[in-house]
C-alpha atoms as a PDB file:
ATOM      1  CA  ILE A   1      -0.007   0.007  -0.015  1.00  0.00           C
ATOM      2  CA  GLU A   2       2.871   2.322   0.826  1.00  0.00           C
ATOM      3  CA  GLY A   3       4.164   1.792  -2.804  1.00  0.00           C
ATOM      4  CA  ILE A   4       0.679   2.804  -4.191  1.00  0.00           C
ATOM      5  CA  VAL A   5       0.765   5.912  -2.096  1.00  0.00           C
ATOM      6  CA  GLY A   6       4.169   6.711  -3.440  1.00  0.00           C
ATOM      7  CA  GLN A   7       2.777   6.393  -6.942  1.00  0.00           C
ATOM      8  CA  MET A   8      -0.198   8.659  -6.081  1.00  0.00           C
ATOM      9  CA  LYS A   9       2.342  11.194  -4.737  1.00  0.00           C
ATOM     10  CA  GLY A  10       4.165  11.123  -8.025  1.00  0.00           C
ATOM     11  CA  LEU A  11       1.021  11.732  -9.966  1.00  0.00           C
ATOM     12  CA  THR A  12       0.093  14.556  -7.656  1.00  0.00           C
ATOM     13  CA  ILE A  13       3.507  16.145  -8.138  1.00  0.00           C
ATOM     14  CA  GLY A  14       2.990  15.688 -11.937  1.00  0.00           C
ATOM     15  CA  ALA A  15      -0.303  17.589 -11.642  1.00  0.00           C
ATOM     16  CA  ARG A  16       1.558  20.762 -10.757  1.00  0.00           C
ATOM     17  CA  THR A  17       2.640  21.232 -14.306  1.00  0.00           C
ATOM     18  CA  ALA A  18      -0.051  19.329 -16.085  1.00  0.00           C
ATOM     19  CA  SER A  19      -3.023  20.805 -18.077  1.00  0.00           C
ATOM     20  CA  GLY A  20      -5.912  19.587 -20.236  1.00  0.00           C
ATOM     21  CA  SER A  21      -5.988  15.980 -21.063  1.00  0.00           C
ATOM     22  CA  GLU A  22      -2.826  15.237 -19.202  1.00  0.00           C
ATOM     23  CA  LEU A  23      -4.388  16.537 -16.013  1.00  0.00           C
ATOM     24  CA  THR A  24      -7.585  14.469 -16.601  1.00  0.00           C
ATOM     25  CA  SER A  25      -5.487  11.301 -17.200  1.00  0.00           C
ATOM     26  CA  LEU A  26      -3.451  12.009 -13.905  1.00  0.00           C
ATOM     27  CA  VAL A  27      -6.728  12.463 -11.936  1.00  0.00           C
ATOM     28  CA  GLU A  28      -8.076   9.159 -13.416  1.00  0.00           C
ATOM     29  CA  GLN A  29      -4.864   7.358 -12.495  1.00  0.00           C
ATOM     30  CA  PHE A  30      -4.866   8.877  -9.063  1.00  0.00           C
ATOM     31  CA  ASN A  31      -8.473   7.792  -8.261  1.00  0.00           C
ATOM     32  CA  ASP A  32      -7.779   4.311  -9.779  1.00  0.00           C
ATOM     33  CA  LEU A  33      -4.863   3.943  -7.395  1.00  0.00           C
ATOM     34  CA  ARG A  34      -6.914   5.053  -4.406  1.00  0.00           C
ATOM     35  CA  THR A  35      -9.485   2.404  -5.389  1.00  0.00           C
ATOM     36  CA  GLN A  36      -6.645  -0.202  -5.543  1.00  0.00           C
ATOM     37  CA  ILE A  37      -5.683   0.504  -1.992  1.00  0.00           C
ATOM     38  CA  ASP A  38      -9.095  -0.577  -0.853  1.00  0.00           C
ATOM     39  CA  ASN A  39      -9.008  -3.559  -3.058  1.00  0.00           C
ATOM     40  CA  LEU A  40      -5.570  -4.605  -1.816  1.00  0.00           C
ATOM     41  CA  ALA A  41      -6.638  -4.211   1.744  1.00  0.00           C
ATOM     42  CA  SER A  42      -9.780  -6.225   1.110  1.00  0.00           C
ATOM     43  CA  ASP A  43      -7.800  -9.087  -0.640  1.00  0.00           C
ATOM     44  CA  ALA A  44      -5.396  -9.520   2.181  1.00  0.00           C
ATOM     45  CA  THR A  45      -7.269 -12.414   3.694  1.00  0.00           C
ATOM     46  CA  TYR A  46      -5.691 -15.590   5.005  1.00  0.00           C
ATOM     47  CA  GLN A  47      -7.761 -18.407   6.174  1.00  0.00           C
ATOM     48  CA  GLY A  48     -10.716 -16.120   6.580  1.00  0.00           C
ATOM     49  CA  LEU A  49      -8.905 -13.482   8.607  1.00  0.00           C
ATOM     50  CA  ASN A  50      -8.063 -10.032   7.408  1.00  0.00           C
ATOM     51  CA  LEU A  51      -5.882  -7.966   9.780  1.00  0.00           C
ATOM     52  CA  VAL A  52      -5.505  -4.861   7.478  1.00  0.00           C
ATOM     53  CA  ASN A  53      -9.141  -4.207   6.441  1.00  0.00           C
ATOM     54  CA  GLY A  54     -10.600  -2.987   9.686  1.00  0.00           C
ATOM     55  CA  THR A  55      -9.745  -2.697  13.418  1.00  0.00           C
ATOM     56  CA  ALA A  56     -12.415  -5.117  14.632  1.00  0.00           C
ATOM     57  CA  THR A  57     -10.410  -8.174  13.706  1.00  0.00           C
ATOM     58  CA  GLN A  58      -8.124  -9.857  16.079  1.00  0.00           C
ATOM     59  CA  LEU A  59      -5.827 -12.860  15.746  1.00  0.00           C
ATOM     60  CA  THR A  60      -5.229 -14.815  18.956  1.00  0.00           C
ATOM     61  CA  VAL A  61      -2.289 -17.088  18.984  1.00  0.00           C
ATOM     62  CA  ARG A  62      -1.940 -19.519  21.931  1.00  0.00           C
ATOM     63  CA  PHE A  63       1.553 -20.743  22.620  1.00  0.00           C
ATOM     64  CA  SER A  64       0.724 -23.459  25.184  1.00  0.00           C
ATOM     65  CA  ASN A  65      -2.312 -25.438  26.222  1.00  0.00           C
ATOM     66  CA  ASP A  66      -0.981 -25.570  29.805  1.00  0.00           C
ATOM     67  CA  THR A  67      -0.158 -21.878  30.393  1.00  0.00           C
ATOM     68  CA  ALA A  68      -1.819 -18.575  29.581  1.00  0.00           C
ATOM     69  CA  SER A  69       0.799 -17.709  27.070  1.00  0.00           C
ATOM     70  CA  VAL A  70      -1.166 -15.870  24.396  1.00  0.00           C
ATOM     71  CA  LEU A  71      -0.444 -13.220  21.819  1.00  0.00           C
ATOM     72  CA  VAL A  72      -3.316 -11.014  20.575  1.00  0.00           C
ATOM     73  CA  ILE A  73      -2.756  -9.221  17.391  1.00  0.00           C
ATOM     74  CA  ASP A  74      -5.135  -6.297  16.723  1.00  0.00           C
ATOM     75  CA  GLY A  75      -6.280  -5.629  13.120  1.00  0.00           C
ATOM     76  CA  VAL A  76      -5.408  -2.303  11.631  1.00  0.00           C
ATOM     77  CA  ASP A  77      -7.487  -0.306   9.043  1.00  0.00           C
ATOM     78  CA  LEU A  78      -5.290   0.435   6.006  1.00  0.00           C
ATOM     79  CA  ARG A  79      -8.210   1.276   3.718  1.00  0.00           C
ATOM     80  CA  ALA A  80      -7.899   4.700   1.918  1.00  0.00           C
ATOM     81  CA  SER A  81     -10.539   6.276   4.098  1.00  0.00           C
ATOM     82  CA  SER A  82      -8.651   5.259   7.326  1.00  0.00           C
ATOM     83  CA  THR A  83      -5.243   6.267   6.276  1.00  0.00           C
ATOM     84  CA  GLY A  84      -6.231   9.839   5.234  1.00  0.00           C
ATOM     85  CA  LEU A  85      -6.492   9.093   1.579  1.00  0.00           C
ATOM     86  CA  ALA A  86     -10.205   9.609   1.311  1.00  0.00           C
ATOM     87  CA  ILE A  87      -9.233  12.892  -0.423  1.00  0.00           C
ATOM     88  CA  GLY A  88     -12.408  14.803  -1.302  1.00  0.00           C
ATOM     89  CA  SER A  89     -13.881  15.186  -4.664  1.00  0.00           C
ATOM     90  CA  VAL A  90     -12.306  18.531  -5.055  1.00  0.00           C
ATOM     91  CA  GLN A  91      -8.772  17.268  -4.960  1.00  0.00           C
ATOM     92  CA  GLY A  92      -9.510  14.057  -6.728  1.00  0.00           C
ATOM     93  CA  SER A  93     -10.963  15.834  -9.831  1.00  0.00           C
ATOM     94  CA  VAL A  94      -9.541  17.880 -12.602  1.00  0.00           C
ATOM     95  CA  ASN A  95     -10.809  21.139 -11.089  1.00  0.00           C
ATOM     96  CA  GLY A  96      -9.337  20.281  -7.726  1.00  0.00           C
ATOM     97  CA  PHE A  97      -5.875  19.450  -9.135  1.00  0.00           C
ATOM     98  CA  SER A  98      -5.938  22.600 -11.179  1.00  0.00           C
ATOM     99  CA  VAL A  99      -5.791  24.596  -7.958  1.00  0.00           C
ATOM    100  CA  ALA A 100      -2.166  24.737  -6.590  1.00  0.00           C
ATOM    101  CA  SER A 101      -3.299  24.826  -2.961  1.00  0.00           C
ATOM    102  CA  ASN A 102      -5.366  21.670  -3.522  1.00  0.00           C
ATOM    103  CA  ILE A 103      -2.311  19.887  -4.879  1.00  0.00           C
ATOM    104  CA  GLU A 104      -0.188  20.857  -1.879  1.00  0.00           C
ATOM    105  CA  GLY A 105      -2.921  19.767   0.380  1.00  0.00           C
ATOM    106  CA  SER A 106      -3.088  16.337  -1.317  1.00  0.00           C
ATOM    107  CA  LEU A 107       0.709  16.008  -0.954  1.00  0.00           C
ATOM    108  CA  ASP A 108       0.406  16.698   2.796  1.00  0.00           C
ATOM    109  CA  GLN A 109      -2.356  14.088   3.039  1.00  0.00           C
ATOM    110  CA  LEU A 110      -0.237  11.609   1.112  1.00  0.00           C
ATOM    111  CA  ASP A 111       2.761  12.223   3.531  1.00  0.00           C
ATOM    112  CA  ASP A 112       0.447  11.749   6.490  1.00  0.00           C
ATOM    113  CA  ALA A 113      -0.828   8.525   5.051  1.00  0.00           C
ATOM    114  CA  VAL A 114       2.743   7.171   4.653  1.00  0.00           C
ATOM    115  CA  SER A 115       3.329   7.876   8.254  1.00  0.00           C
ATOM    116  CA  THR A 116       0.153   6.074   9.252  1.00  0.00           C
ATOM    117  CA  LEU A 117       1.088   3.116   7.065  1.00  0.00           C
ATOM    118  CA  ARG A 118       4.612   2.973   8.503  1.00  0.00           C
ATOM    119  CA  GLY A 119       3.290   3.040  12.045  1.00  0.00           C
ATOM    120  CA  ALA A 120       0.874   0.182  11.251  1.00  0.00           C
ATOM    121  CA  ALA A 121       3.739  -1.801   9.557  1.00  0.00           C
ATOM    122  CA  LYS A 122       5.860  -1.366  12.631  1.00  0.00           C
ATOM    123  CA  ALA A 123       3.168  -2.727  14.938  1.00  0.00           C
ATOM    124  CA  LEU A 124       2.508  -5.715  12.661  1.00  0.00           C
ATOM    125  CA  GLY A 125       6.206  -6.181  12.059  1.00  0.00           C
ATOM    126  CA  SER A 126       6.961  -6.477  15.858  1.00  0.00           C
ATOM    127  CA  ASN A 127       4.281  -9.208  16.231  1.00  0.00           C
ATOM    128  CA  VAL A 128       5.770 -11.041  13.209  1.00  0.00           C
ATOM    129  CA  ALA A 129       9.150 -10.934  14.866  1.00  0.00           C
ATOM    130  CA  LEU A 130       7.757 -12.268  18.074  1.00  0.00           C
ATOM    131  CA  LEU A 131       5.934 -15.083  16.216  1.00  0.00           C
ATOM    132  CA  GLN A 132       9.196 -15.962  14.393  1.00  0.00           C
ATOM    133  CA  THR A 133      11.176 -16.058  17.630  1.00  0.00           C
ATOM    134  CA  ARG A 134       8.592 -18.414  19.181  1.00  0.00           C
ATOM    135  CA  LEU A 135       8.515 -20.476  15.977  1.00  0.00           C
ATOM    136  CA  ASP A 136      12.392 -20.837  16.041  1.00  0.00           C
ATOM    137  CA  PHE A 137      12.234 -21.727  19.812  1.00  0.00           C
ATOM    138  CA  THR A 138       9.581 -24.450  19.155  1.00  0.00           C
ATOM    139  CA  LYS A 139      11.525 -25.851  16.331  1.00  0.00           C
ATOM    140  CA  ASP A 140      14.676 -26.154  18.371  1.00  0.00           C
ATOM    141  CA  TYR A 141      12.810 -27.590  21.275  1.00  0.00           C
ATOM    142  CA  VAL A 142      11.203 -30.241  19.160  1.00  0.00           C
ATOM    143  CA  ASN A 143      14.594 -31.239  17.551  1.00  0.00           C
ATOM    144  CA  LEU A 144      16.082 -31.511  21.128  1.00  0.00           C
ATOM    145  CA  ILE A 145      13.276 -33.720  22.294  1.00  0.00           C
ATOM    146  CA  GLU A 146      13.347 -35.918  19.245  1.00  0.00           C
ATOM    147  CA  GLY A 147      17.150 -36.246  19.573  1.00  0.00           C
ATOM    148  CA  GLY A 148      16.732 -37.355  23.244  1.00  0.00           C
ATOM    149  CA  ALA A 149      13.950 -39.738  22.377  1.00  0.00           C
ATOM    150  CA  GLY A 150      15.964 -41.194  19.627  1.00  0.00           C
ATOM    151  CA  LYS A 151      18.869 -41.937  22.041  1.00  0.00           C
ATOM    152  CA  LEU A 152      16.489 -43.686  24.343  1.00  0.00           C
ATOM    153  CA  THR A 153      14.769 -45.888  21.741  1.00  0.00           C
ATOM    154  CA  LEU A 154      17.335 -46.408  18.997  1.00  0.00           C
ATOM    155  CA  ALA A 155      20.139 -48.729  20.184  1.00  0.00           C
ATOM    156  CA  ASP A 156      23.208 -49.554  18.149  1.00  0.00           C
ATOM    157  CA  ILE A 157      22.703 -53.307  17.473  1.00  0.00           C
ATOM    158  CA  ASN A 158      26.459 -54.040  17.145  1.00  0.00           C
ATOM    159  CA  GLU A 159      27.285 -52.358  20.467  1.00  0.00           C
ATOM    160  CA  GLU A 160      24.380 -54.101  22.282  1.00  0.00           C
ATOM    161  CA  GLY A 161      25.411 -57.484  20.783  1.00  0.00           C
ATOM    162  CA  ALA A 162      28.885 -57.026  21.926  1.00  0.00           C
ATOM    163  CA  ASN A 163      27.680 -56.082  25.506  1.00  0.00           C
ATOM    164  CA  LEU A 164      25.474 -59.271  25.519  1.00  0.00           C
ATOM    165  CA  VAL A 165      28.471 -61.523  24.577  1.00  0.00           C
ATOM    166  CA  ALA A 166      30.634 -59.917  27.319  1.00  0.00           C
ATOM    167  CA  LEU A 167      27.793 -60.455  29.807  1.00  0.00           C
ATOM    168  CA  GLN A 168      27.360 -64.151  28.797  1.00  0.00           C
ATOM    169  CA  THR A 169      31.138 -64.732  29.058  1.00  0.00           C
ATOM    170  CA  ARG A 170      31.258 -63.182  32.561  1.00  0.00           C
ATOM    171  CA  GLN A 171      28.315 -65.402  33.515  1.00  0.00           C
ATOM    172  CA  GLN A 172      30.089 -68.571  32.208  1.00  0.00           C
ATOM    173  CA  LEU A 173      33.308 -67.617  33.987  1.00  0.00           C
ATOM    174  CA  GLY A 174      31.390 -67.087  37.278  1.00  0.00           C
ATOM    175  CA  ILE A 175      29.769 -70.544  36.865  1.00  0.00           C
ATOM    176  CA  SER A 176      33.171 -72.228  36.215  1.00  0.00           C
ATOM    177  CA  ALA A 177      34.664 -70.412  39.207  1.00  0.00           C
ATOM    178  CA  LEU A 178      31.794 -71.674  41.434  1.00  0.00           C
ATOM    179  CA  ALA A 179      32.303 -75.217  40.123  1.00  0.00           C
ATOM    180  CA  PHE A 180      35.929 -75.134  40.889  1.00  0.00           C
ATOM    181  CA  ALA A 181      35.428 -73.772  44.331  1.00  0.00           C
ATOM    182  CA  GLY A 182      32.752 -76.484  44.929  1.00  0.00           C
ATOM    183  CA  GLN A 183      35.262 -79.229  43.882  1.00  0.00           C
ATOM    184  CA  SER A 184      37.898 -77.866  46.280  1.00  0.00           C
ATOM    185  CA  GLU A 185      35.462 -77.926  49.135  1.00  0.00           C
ATOM    186  CA  GLN A 186      34.363 -81.532  48.263  1.00  0.00           C
ATOM    187  CA  SER A 187      38.002 -82.664  48.331  1.00  0.00           C
ATOM    188  CA  VAL A 188      38.646 -81.048  51.714  1.00  0.00           C
ATOM    189  CA  LEU A 189      35.531 -82.649  53.040  1.00  0.00           C
ATOM    190  CA  ALA A 190      36.544 -86.091  51.610  1.00  0.00           C
ATOM    191  CA  LEU A 191      39.830 -85.863  53.598  1.00  0.00           C
ATOM    192  CA  PHE A 192      37.847 -85.524  56.833  1.00  0.00           C
ATOM    193  CA  ASN A 193      35.730 -88.421  56.123  1.00  0.00           C
END
């Protein structure tokens, strides 16, 4: 929308030196661009939600089911009438643009509209940055948990096989040692008998 406002400003500056059919063409282009701002704001819908076509819309993002961690993003109204671009029929007409004071007034309104748009963009941008930070944290957290779960459930078969053979060997050695110890005790007992 800011780019469209820049184009409108260029047309308004061009109206300073235009006359006749050129002025008529500039006014038509100006009014078409103003209409496109409203169309663009109306078309900016995602999954049934439009955060730039009115202030009544809110997006609520819940970060956890267990806590009250919530981000509420309020909609902004970037339509021409709300950003100060509902320039009256005097300025948006050939007669209006033929008066120098009307052209300068339109330029002031366009500058104010750019300031309004930039303020709204900063508000939405800070929310986007916060959402991106939370998304990055969640991705890192999921990767960490998946890595830990993998270490718990995925065993190296070769390593576990070697551990089993070592355990079986220790068990056999223990049995043999007990058998030798038992034979020695039987020999000593046989001497006493």
